[in-house]
């Protein structure tokens, strides 16, 4: 993808493109991990093991209802456990299992390697400015009225039936 016309694209679209590209590369590097999405959630839990579901929602801007489904999925895979907080029964504590710790260690490593790679040709000062501006813009946006949106980064592929039949543009299919 070239940069022609990139200046004419709204900043939100640029951020969405960046996110799509970033998670596409990350997903490719994590094909050997038993989960194909929710990398940021696993990364957060890894660095905050024993946090509450609400802390994950608050820090990653994820809807509570969606988070319940994500945690249920990660429990089914054997990555996390959910327990009630003994001091506040309304809260759920999320911890990584042994399997989750091992697999998520690979996720954390992949994030770090990718970040190193994408910033390799950029000065530390420019990287710090970029991250600082992202944080400040996110903070400003979080104060504005908005609808809740949910992005689900899943791999896409061409359906098998389309890859089995080779039709050339000048040929008619029968």
N, C-alpha and C. Protein backbone atom coordinates (compact mmCIF):
# COMPACT_ATOMS: atom_id res chain seq x y z
N UNK A 1 0.86 -1.18 0.00
CA UNK A 1 0.00 0.00 0.00
C UNK A 1 0.89 1.23 0.00
N UNK A 2 0.71 2.11 -0.96
CA UNK A 2 1.51 3.32 -1.06
C UNK A 2 0.97 4.41 -0.17
N UNK A 3 1.67 5.54 -0.18
CA UNK A 3 1.24 6.67 0.65
C UNK A 3 0.55 7.75 -0.17
N UNK A 4 0.34 7.52 -1.47
CA UNK A 4 -0.32 8.50 -2.31
C UNK A 4 -1.72 8.76 -1.77
N UNK A 5 -2.03 10.03 -1.54
CA UNK A 5 -3.36 10.40 -1.06
C UNK A 5 -3.56 10.23 0.43
N UNK A 6 -2.56 9.76 1.17
CA UNK A 6 -2.71 9.52 2.61
C UNK A 6 -3.01 10.81 3.37
N UNK A 7 -2.55 11.95 2.85
CA UNK A 7 -2.78 13.22 3.54
C UNK A 7 -4.26 13.62 3.51
N UNK A 8 -5.00 13.11 2.54
CA UNK A 8 -6.41 13.46 2.37
C UNK A 8 -7.36 12.54 3.13
N UNK A 9 -6.81 11.63 3.93
CA UNK A 9 -7.63 10.67 4.66
C UNK A 9 -7.79 11.16 6.10
N UNK A 10 -9.02 11.10 6.67
CA UNK A 10 -9.21 11.52 8.06
C UNK A 10 -8.34 10.71 9.02
N UNK A 11 -7.95 11.33 10.11
CA UNK A 11 -7.03 10.70 11.06
C UNK A 11 -7.60 9.38 11.61
N UNK A 12 -8.90 9.31 11.81
CA UNK A 12 -9.51 8.07 12.30
C UNK A 12 -9.36 6.93 11.30
N UNK A 13 -9.47 7.24 10.02
CA UNK A 13 -9.29 6.23 8.99
C UNK A 13 -7.83 5.79 8.94
N UNK A 14 -6.91 6.74 9.09
CA UNK A 14 -5.49 6.40 9.14
C UNK A 14 -5.21 5.47 10.31
N UNK A 15 -5.82 5.77 11.46
CA UNK A 15 -5.62 4.94 12.64
C UNK A 15 -6.19 3.54 12.43
N UNK A 16 -7.34 3.46 11.76
CA UNK A 16 -7.96 2.16 11.48
C UNK A 16 -7.09 1.34 10.53
N UNK A 17 -6.54 2.01 9.51
CA UNK A 17 -5.64 1.33 8.57
C UNK A 17 -4.40 0.83 9.30
N UNK A 18 -3.82 1.68 10.14
CA UNK A 18 -2.65 1.30 10.93
C UNK A 18 -2.96 0.09 11.79
N UNK A 19 -4.10 0.12 12.46
CA UNK A 19 -4.49 -0.99 13.33
C UNK A 19 -4.68 -2.28 12.53
N UNK A 20 -5.34 -2.17 11.39
CA UNK A 20 -5.57 -3.36 10.55
C UNK A 20 -4.25 -3.96 10.08
N UNK A 21 -3.35 -3.10 9.61
CA UNK A 21 -2.03 -3.57 9.16
C UNK A 21 -1.25 -4.19 10.31
N UNK A 22 -1.24 -3.51 11.44
CA UNK A 22 -0.50 -3.95 12.62
C UNK A 22 -0.98 -5.33 13.07
N UNK A 23 -2.30 -5.47 13.23
CA UNK A 23 -2.83 -6.75 13.71
C UNK A 23 -2.75 -7.85 12.65
N UNK A 24 -2.72 -7.48 11.38
CA UNK A 24 -2.50 -8.47 10.34
C UNK A 24 -1.11 -9.08 10.44
N UNK A 25 -0.10 -8.23 10.63
CA UNK A 25 1.28 -8.71 10.78
C UNK A 25 1.40 -9.49 12.09
N UNK A 26 0.82 -8.98 13.17
CA UNK A 26 0.87 -9.67 14.46
C UNK A 26 0.23 -11.05 14.36
N UNK A 27 -0.93 -11.11 13.75
CA UNK A 27 -1.65 -12.37 13.59
C UNK A 27 -0.83 -13.39 12.82
N UNK A 28 -0.17 -12.93 11.76
CA UNK A 28 0.69 -13.83 10.96
C UNK A 28 1.82 -14.38 11.81
N UNK A 29 2.41 -13.54 12.67
CA UNK A 29 3.53 -13.99 13.50
C UNK A 29 3.07 -14.91 14.63
N UNK A 30 1.78 -14.94 14.90
CA UNK A 30 1.25 -15.76 16.01
C UNK A 30 0.40 -16.94 15.52
N UNK A 31 0.63 -17.40 14.31
CA UNK A 31 -0.16 -18.50 13.78
C UNK A 31 0.00 -19.78 14.58
N UNK A 32 1.09 -19.92 15.32
CA UNK A 32 1.31 -21.14 16.12
C UNK A 32 0.67 -21.07 17.50
N UNK A 33 0.07 -19.95 17.85
CA UNK A 33 -0.61 -19.81 19.14
C UNK A 33 -2.05 -20.27 18.98
N UNK A 34 -2.59 -20.89 20.02
CA UNK A 34 -3.91 -21.51 19.95
C UNK A 34 -5.09 -20.54 19.93
N UNK A 35 -4.85 -19.27 19.84
CA UNK A 35 -5.93 -18.28 19.78
C UNK A 35 -5.63 -17.36 18.60
N UNK A 36 -6.69 -16.97 17.87
CA UNK A 36 -6.43 -16.17 16.67
C UNK A 36 -6.84 -14.71 16.82
N UNK A 37 -7.20 -14.30 18.00
CA UNK A 37 -7.54 -12.89 18.24
C UNK A 37 -7.48 -12.63 19.74
N UNK A 38 -7.87 -11.46 20.15
CA UNK A 38 -7.86 -11.05 21.57
C UNK A 38 -6.44 -10.92 22.11
N UNK A 39 -5.50 -10.62 21.22
CA UNK A 39 -4.11 -10.49 21.64
C UNK A 39 -3.91 -9.37 22.66
N UNK A 40 -4.58 -8.24 22.45
CA UNK A 40 -4.42 -7.11 23.37
C UNK A 40 -4.97 -7.43 24.75
N UNK A 41 -6.05 -8.18 24.79
CA UNK A 41 -6.63 -8.57 26.08
C UNK A 41 -5.66 -9.51 26.80
N UNK A 42 -5.13 -10.48 26.08
CA UNK A 42 -4.16 -11.40 26.70
C UNK A 42 -2.91 -10.64 27.16
N UNK A 43 -2.46 -9.70 26.36
CA UNK A 43 -1.29 -8.88 26.72
C UNK A 43 -1.57 -8.13 28.03
N UNK A 44 -2.76 -7.52 28.11
CA UNK A 44 -3.13 -6.77 29.32
C UNK A 44 -3.18 -7.69 30.54
N UNK A 45 -3.81 -8.84 30.39
CA UNK A 45 -3.91 -9.78 31.52
C UNK A 45 -2.53 -10.25 31.94
N UNK A 46 -1.67 -10.53 30.97
CA UNK A 46 -0.30 -10.97 31.26
C UNK A 46 0.43 -9.95 32.14
N UNK A 47 0.25 -8.68 31.81
CA UNK A 47 0.92 -7.61 32.56
C UNK A 47 0.16 -7.18 33.81
N UNK A 48 -1.07 -7.68 33.99
CA UNK A 48 -1.90 -7.32 35.13
C UNK A 48 -2.62 -8.56 35.66
N UNK A 49 -1.90 -9.67 35.75
CA UNK A 49 -2.50 -10.94 36.14
C UNK A 49 -3.20 -10.80 37.49
N UNK A 50 -4.45 -11.26 37.54
CA UNK A 50 -5.24 -11.11 38.76
C UNK A 50 -6.05 -9.83 38.77
N UNK A 51 -6.19 -9.20 37.60
CA UNK A 51 -7.00 -7.98 37.49
C UNK A 51 -8.48 -8.36 37.43
N UNK A 52 -9.33 -7.36 37.50
CA UNK A 52 -10.76 -7.61 37.39
C UNK A 52 -11.19 -7.47 35.93
N UNK A 53 -12.32 -8.07 35.61
CA UNK A 53 -12.89 -7.92 34.26
C UNK A 53 -13.12 -6.45 33.97
N UNK A 54 -13.58 -5.70 34.96
CA UNK A 54 -13.87 -4.29 34.78
C UNK A 54 -12.60 -3.50 34.45
N UNK A 55 -11.48 -3.86 35.06
CA UNK A 55 -10.22 -3.18 34.75
C UNK A 55 -9.83 -3.40 33.29
N UNK A 56 -10.05 -4.61 32.79
CA UNK A 56 -9.75 -4.89 31.38
C UNK A 56 -10.64 -4.01 30.50
N UNK A 57 -11.94 -3.98 30.81
CA UNK A 57 -12.89 -3.17 30.03
C UNK A 57 -12.47 -1.70 30.03
N UNK A 58 -12.16 -1.17 31.20
CA UNK A 58 -11.82 0.24 31.33
C UNK A 58 -10.54 0.59 30.59
N UNK A 59 -9.53 -0.25 30.68
CA UNK A 59 -8.23 0.06 30.08
C UNK A 59 -8.18 -0.16 28.58
N UNK A 60 -9.00 -1.08 28.07
CA UNK A 60 -8.98 -1.39 26.64
C UNK A 60 -10.24 -0.92 25.91
N UNK A 61 -11.09 -0.14 26.60
CA UNK A 61 -12.30 0.42 26.01
C UNK A 61 -13.17 -0.67 25.37
N UNK A 62 -13.46 -1.70 26.17
CA UNK A 62 -14.27 -2.82 25.69
C UNK A 62 -15.57 -2.87 26.49
N UNK A 63 -16.67 -3.06 25.80
CA UNK A 63 -17.99 -3.17 26.40
C UNK A 63 -18.04 -4.37 27.35
N UNK A 64 -18.71 -4.20 28.51
CA UNK A 64 -18.81 -5.28 29.51
C UNK A 64 -19.41 -6.56 28.95
N UNK A 65 -20.48 -6.42 28.16
CA UNK A 65 -21.14 -7.60 27.60
C UNK A 65 -20.20 -8.34 26.66
N UNK A 66 -19.50 -7.59 25.82
CA UNK A 66 -18.54 -8.22 24.90
C UNK A 66 -17.42 -8.89 25.69
N UNK A 67 -16.99 -8.27 26.78
CA UNK A 67 -15.90 -8.82 27.58
C UNK A 67 -16.29 -10.17 28.20
N UNK A 68 -17.53 -10.31 28.62
CA UNK A 68 -18.00 -11.58 29.17
C UNK A 68 -17.83 -12.69 28.13
N UNK A 69 -18.20 -12.41 26.89
CA UNK A 69 -18.08 -13.40 25.82
C UNK A 69 -16.62 -13.73 25.53
N UNK A 70 -15.76 -12.72 25.55
CA UNK A 70 -14.33 -12.94 25.30
C UNK A 70 -13.74 -13.80 26.41
N UNK A 71 -14.04 -13.48 27.66
CA UNK A 71 -13.51 -14.25 28.78
C UNK A 71 -14.04 -15.68 28.73
N UNK A 72 -15.31 -15.86 28.40
CA UNK A 72 -15.87 -17.21 28.25
C UNK A 72 -15.09 -18.00 27.19
N UNK A 73 -14.77 -17.35 26.07
CA UNK A 73 -14.00 -17.98 24.99
C UNK A 73 -12.59 -18.36 25.49
N UNK A 74 -11.93 -17.45 26.20
CA UNK A 74 -10.58 -17.72 26.69
C UNK A 74 -10.58 -18.80 27.77
N UNK A 75 -11.66 -18.89 28.54
CA UNK A 75 -11.80 -19.97 29.53
C UNK A 75 -11.94 -21.30 28.80
N UNK A 76 -12.79 -21.32 27.76
CA UNK A 76 -13.00 -22.55 26.98
C UNK A 76 -11.68 -23.05 26.37
N UNK A 77 -10.80 -22.13 25.96
CA UNK A 77 -9.50 -22.51 25.41
C UNK A 77 -8.51 -22.93 26.49
N UNK A 78 -8.85 -22.66 27.75
CA UNK A 78 -7.95 -23.00 28.84
C UNK A 78 -6.87 -21.96 29.09
N UNK A 79 -7.08 -20.73 28.62
CA UNK A 79 -6.09 -19.66 28.78
C UNK A 79 -6.24 -18.92 30.11
N UNK A 80 -7.49 -18.73 30.56
CA UNK A 80 -7.74 -17.94 31.77
C UNK A 80 -8.72 -18.65 32.69
N UNK A 81 -8.71 -18.18 33.93
CA UNK A 81 -9.71 -18.60 34.92
C UNK A 81 -10.40 -17.34 35.42
N UNK A 82 -11.68 -17.48 35.74
CA UNK A 82 -12.45 -16.35 36.27
C UNK A 82 -12.96 -16.78 37.65
N UNK A 83 -12.66 -16.00 38.66
CA UNK A 83 -13.14 -16.29 40.01
C UNK A 83 -13.77 -15.03 40.59
N UNK A 84 -14.71 -15.24 41.50
CA UNK A 84 -15.32 -14.09 42.17
C UNK A 84 -14.33 -13.51 43.17
N UNK A 85 -14.31 -12.21 43.24
CA UNK A 85 -13.47 -11.52 44.21
C UNK A 85 -14.04 -11.80 45.60
N UNK A 86 -13.26 -12.39 46.51
CA UNK A 86 -13.79 -12.71 47.83
C UNK A 86 -14.19 -11.48 48.66
N UNK A 87 -13.64 -10.33 48.33
CA UNK A 87 -13.98 -9.11 49.09
C UNK A 87 -15.11 -8.32 48.44
N UNK A 88 -15.43 -8.63 47.18
CA UNK A 88 -16.54 -7.97 46.48
C UNK A 88 -17.11 -8.96 45.47
N UNK A 89 -18.17 -9.64 45.84
CA UNK A 89 -18.73 -10.73 45.03
C UNK A 89 -19.23 -10.27 43.66
N UNK A 90 -19.35 -8.95 43.46
CA UNK A 90 -19.81 -8.43 42.16
C UNK A 90 -18.67 -8.42 41.14
N UNK A 91 -17.42 -8.49 41.61
CA UNK A 91 -16.26 -8.44 40.73
C UNK A 91 -15.75 -9.83 40.39
N UNK A 92 -15.20 -9.96 39.19
CA UNK A 92 -14.58 -11.20 38.76
C UNK A 92 -13.09 -10.96 38.53
N UNK A 93 -12.27 -11.81 39.13
CA UNK A 93 -10.82 -11.74 38.99
C UNK A 93 -10.42 -12.66 37.83
N UNK A 94 -9.56 -12.15 36.95
CA UNK A 94 -9.12 -12.92 35.79
C UNK A 94 -7.63 -13.23 35.96
N UNK A 95 -7.31 -14.52 35.87
CA UNK A 95 -5.90 -14.94 35.96
C UNK A 95 -5.58 -15.89 34.81
N UNK A 96 -4.35 -15.84 34.39
CA UNK A 96 -3.89 -16.76 33.35
C UNK A 96 -3.63 -18.14 33.94
N UNK A 97 -3.97 -19.17 33.21
CA UNK A 97 -3.62 -20.54 33.59
C UNK A 97 -2.17 -20.78 33.17
N UNK A 98 -1.63 -21.96 33.49
CA UNK A 98 -0.28 -22.29 33.02
C UNK A 98 -0.21 -22.24 31.50
N UNK A 99 -1.22 -22.84 30.84
CA UNK A 99 -1.27 -22.81 29.38
C UNK A 99 -1.36 -21.37 28.89
N UNK A 100 -2.22 -20.59 29.52
CA UNK A 100 -2.40 -19.19 29.14
C UNK A 100 -1.13 -18.38 29.33
N UNK A 101 -0.40 -18.65 30.40
CA UNK A 101 0.85 -17.93 30.66
C UNK A 101 1.88 -18.24 29.57
N UNK A 102 1.98 -19.51 29.20
CA UNK A 102 2.94 -19.92 28.16
C UNK A 102 2.58 -19.30 26.81
N UNK A 103 1.33 -19.47 26.40
CA UNK A 103 0.88 -18.96 25.10
C UNK A 103 0.92 -17.43 25.07
N UNK A 104 0.53 -16.79 26.16
CA UNK A 104 0.51 -15.33 26.20
C UNK A 104 1.92 -14.77 26.25
N UNK A 105 2.86 -15.52 26.78
CA UNK A 105 4.26 -15.10 26.72
C UNK A 105 4.70 -14.92 25.28
N UNK A 106 4.23 -15.81 24.41
CA UNK A 106 4.53 -15.69 22.98
C UNK A 106 3.87 -14.45 22.37
N UNK A 107 2.65 -14.15 22.83
CA UNK A 107 1.93 -12.96 22.35
C UNK A 107 2.69 -11.70 22.75
N UNK A 108 3.11 -11.64 24.01
CA UNK A 108 3.85 -10.47 24.52
C UNK A 108 5.14 -10.30 23.73
N UNK A 109 5.84 -11.39 23.51
CA UNK A 109 7.09 -11.35 22.74
C UNK A 109 6.83 -10.86 21.31
N UNK A 110 5.75 -11.32 20.68
CA UNK A 110 5.42 -10.91 19.32
C UNK A 110 5.12 -9.41 19.26
N UNK A 111 4.37 -8.89 20.25
CA UNK A 111 4.10 -7.45 20.31
C UNK A 111 5.41 -6.67 20.39
N UNK A 112 6.29 -7.10 21.28
CA UNK A 112 7.55 -6.38 21.48
C UNK A 112 8.41 -6.42 20.22
N UNK A 113 8.50 -7.59 19.57
CA UNK A 113 9.29 -7.71 18.34
C UNK A 113 8.71 -6.85 17.22
N UNK A 114 7.40 -6.83 17.10
CA UNK A 114 6.76 -6.03 16.06
C UNK A 114 6.98 -4.54 16.32
N UNK A 115 6.82 -4.12 17.56
CA UNK A 115 7.05 -2.71 17.89
C UNK A 115 8.49 -2.31 17.59
N UNK A 116 9.44 -3.18 17.92
CA UNK A 116 10.84 -2.90 17.60
C UNK A 116 11.04 -2.76 16.09
N UNK A 117 10.39 -3.65 15.34
CA UNK A 117 10.55 -3.65 13.88
C UNK A 117 9.94 -2.39 13.26
N UNK A 118 8.74 -2.03 13.66
CA UNK A 118 8.08 -0.88 13.02
C UNK A 118 8.72 0.45 13.40
N UNK A 119 9.39 0.50 14.54
CA UNK A 119 10.06 1.74 14.95
C UNK A 119 11.56 1.71 14.67
N UNK A 120 12.04 0.69 13.96
CA UNK A 120 13.48 0.55 13.74
C UNK A 120 14.08 1.71 12.95
N UNK A 121 13.34 2.29 12.05
CA UNK A 121 13.86 3.40 11.26
C UNK A 121 13.40 4.76 11.77
N UNK A 122 12.89 4.79 12.98
CA UNK A 122 12.35 6.01 13.57
C UNK A 122 13.11 6.30 14.85
N UNK A 123 13.45 7.55 15.06
CA UNK A 123 14.21 7.90 16.26
C UNK A 123 13.39 7.65 17.52
N UNK A 124 14.08 7.43 18.63
CA UNK A 124 13.40 7.23 19.92
C UNK A 124 12.54 8.44 20.26
N UNK A 125 13.04 9.63 19.94
CA UNK A 125 12.30 10.86 20.22
C UNK A 125 11.00 10.91 19.42
N UNK A 126 11.07 10.58 18.12
CA UNK A 126 9.86 10.57 17.29
C UNK A 126 8.88 9.50 17.75
N UNK A 127 9.39 8.32 18.13
CA UNK A 127 8.53 7.25 18.65
C UNK A 127 7.80 7.73 19.90
N UNK A 128 8.53 8.34 20.83
CA UNK A 128 7.93 8.83 22.07
C UNK A 128 6.88 9.90 21.81
N UNK A 129 7.15 10.79 20.85
CA UNK A 129 6.19 11.83 20.49
C UNK A 129 4.94 11.19 19.89
N UNK A 130 5.13 10.23 18.98
CA UNK A 130 4.02 9.53 18.35
C UNK A 130 3.12 8.88 19.40
N UNK A 131 3.72 8.15 20.33
CA UNK A 131 2.95 7.46 21.36
C UNK A 131 2.25 8.46 22.27
N UNK A 132 2.96 9.53 22.64
CA UNK A 132 2.36 10.56 23.49
C UNK A 132 1.15 11.20 22.80
N UNK A 133 1.28 11.51 21.52
CA UNK A 133 0.17 12.12 20.78
C UNK A 133 -1.00 11.14 20.69
N UNK A 134 -0.74 9.86 20.44
CA UNK A 134 -1.81 8.87 20.41
C UNK A 134 -2.56 8.82 21.74
N UNK A 135 -1.82 8.82 22.83
CA UNK A 135 -2.43 8.78 24.17
C UNK A 135 -3.29 10.03 24.40
N UNK A 136 -2.76 11.19 24.05
CA UNK A 136 -3.51 12.44 24.27
C UNK A 136 -4.75 12.51 23.38
N UNK A 137 -4.63 12.11 22.11
CA UNK A 137 -5.79 12.13 21.21
C UNK A 137 -6.85 11.15 21.72
N UNK A 138 -6.44 9.97 22.18
CA UNK A 138 -7.39 9.00 22.74
C UNK A 138 -8.10 9.58 23.96
N UNK A 139 -7.35 10.27 24.82
CA UNK A 139 -7.95 10.88 26.01
C UNK A 139 -8.97 11.95 25.62
N UNK A 140 -8.65 12.78 24.63
CA UNK A 140 -9.59 13.80 24.17
C UNK A 140 -10.85 13.15 23.61
N UNK A 141 -10.66 12.13 22.78
CA UNK A 141 -11.80 11.46 22.16
C UNK A 141 -12.69 10.78 23.20
N UNK A 142 -12.09 10.23 24.24
CA UNK A 142 -12.88 9.52 25.25
C UNK A 142 -13.81 10.46 26.02
N UNK A 143 -13.55 11.75 25.96
CA UNK A 143 -14.39 12.74 26.64
C UNK A 143 -15.56 13.21 25.79
N UNK A 144 -15.54 12.89 24.50
CA UNK A 144 -16.60 13.33 23.59
C UNK A 144 -17.73 12.31 23.52
N UNK A 145 -18.96 12.79 23.27
CA UNK A 145 -20.08 11.84 23.12
C UNK A 145 -19.81 10.92 21.93
N UNK A 146 -20.13 9.63 22.08
CA UNK A 146 -19.86 8.66 21.01
C UNK A 146 -20.74 7.44 21.16
N UNK A 147 -20.90 6.72 20.07
CA UNK A 147 -21.54 5.41 20.09
C UNK A 147 -20.47 4.37 20.38
N UNK A 148 -20.85 3.27 20.99
CA UNK A 148 -19.92 2.18 21.23
C UNK A 148 -19.77 1.36 19.96
N UNK A 149 -18.52 1.08 19.58
CA UNK A 149 -18.22 0.24 18.43
C UNK A 149 -17.37 -0.92 18.90
N UNK A 150 -17.51 -2.06 18.26
CA UNK A 150 -16.71 -3.23 18.61
C UNK A 150 -16.01 -3.71 17.36
N UNK A 151 -14.69 -3.79 17.42
CA UNK A 151 -13.90 -4.28 16.30
C UNK A 151 -13.45 -5.69 16.62
N UNK A 152 -13.66 -6.59 15.69
CA UNK A 152 -13.33 -8.00 15.88
C UNK A 152 -12.29 -8.38 14.84
N UNK A 153 -11.02 -8.43 15.26
CA UNK A 153 -9.94 -8.75 14.33
C UNK A 153 -9.85 -10.25 14.15
N UNK A 154 -10.43 -10.73 13.06
CA UNK A 154 -10.33 -12.15 12.73
C UNK A 154 -9.66 -12.28 11.37
N UNK A 155 -9.00 -13.39 11.19
CA UNK A 155 -8.36 -13.64 9.90
C UNK A 155 -9.44 -13.87 8.86
N UNK A 156 -9.19 -13.39 7.68
CA UNK A 156 -10.12 -13.65 6.58
C UNK A 156 -9.38 -14.49 5.54
N UNK A 157 -10.11 -15.28 4.85
CA UNK A 157 -9.50 -16.10 3.81
C UNK A 157 -10.51 -16.27 2.68
N UNK A 158 -10.01 -16.67 1.56
CA UNK A 158 -10.87 -16.95 0.42
C UNK A 158 -11.57 -18.28 0.66
N UNK A 159 -12.88 -18.34 0.50
CA UNK A 159 -13.58 -19.61 0.69
C UNK A 159 -12.98 -20.70 -0.19
N UNK A 160 -12.92 -21.92 0.35
CA UNK A 160 -12.29 -23.05 -0.34
C UNK A 160 -12.88 -23.28 -1.73
N UNK A 161 -14.20 -23.15 -1.85
CA UNK A 161 -14.82 -23.43 -3.15
C UNK A 161 -14.36 -22.44 -4.23
N UNK A 162 -13.90 -21.24 -3.83
CA UNK A 162 -13.41 -20.27 -4.80
C UNK A 162 -11.96 -20.54 -5.19
N UNK A 163 -11.20 -21.19 -4.32
CA UNK A 163 -9.81 -21.46 -4.63
C UNK A 163 -9.63 -22.75 -5.41
N UNK A 164 -10.62 -23.64 -5.35
CA UNK A 164 -10.52 -24.92 -6.04
C UNK A 164 -10.78 -24.78 -7.54
N UNK A 165 -11.64 -23.86 -7.93
CA UNK A 165 -11.99 -23.66 -9.33
C UNK A 165 -11.19 -22.49 -9.86
N UNK A 166 -10.44 -22.74 -10.92
CA UNK A 166 -9.65 -21.67 -11.52
C UNK A 166 -10.37 -21.21 -12.78
N UNK A 167 -10.89 -20.02 -12.71
CA UNK A 167 -11.58 -19.46 -13.87
C UNK A 167 -10.77 -18.27 -14.36
N UNK A 168 -10.41 -18.30 -15.61
CA UNK A 168 -9.68 -17.18 -16.19
C UNK A 168 -10.68 -16.15 -16.67
N UNK A 169 -10.29 -14.88 -16.67
CA UNK A 169 -11.22 -13.82 -17.04
C UNK A 169 -11.89 -14.00 -18.40
N UNK A 170 -11.20 -14.58 -19.35
CA UNK A 170 -11.76 -14.71 -20.71
C UNK A 170 -12.50 -16.03 -20.92
N UNK A 171 -12.57 -16.86 -19.91
CA UNK A 171 -13.26 -18.15 -20.03
C UNK A 171 -14.62 -18.07 -19.34
N UNK A 172 -15.55 -18.78 -19.86
CA UNK A 172 -16.86 -18.85 -19.22
C UNK A 172 -16.88 -20.11 -18.35
N UNK A 173 -17.52 -19.98 -17.21
CA UNK A 173 -17.65 -21.18 -16.37
C UNK A 173 -18.87 -21.95 -16.82
N UNK A 174 -18.82 -23.26 -16.66
CA UNK A 174 -19.95 -24.08 -17.09
C UNK A 174 -20.64 -24.71 -15.91
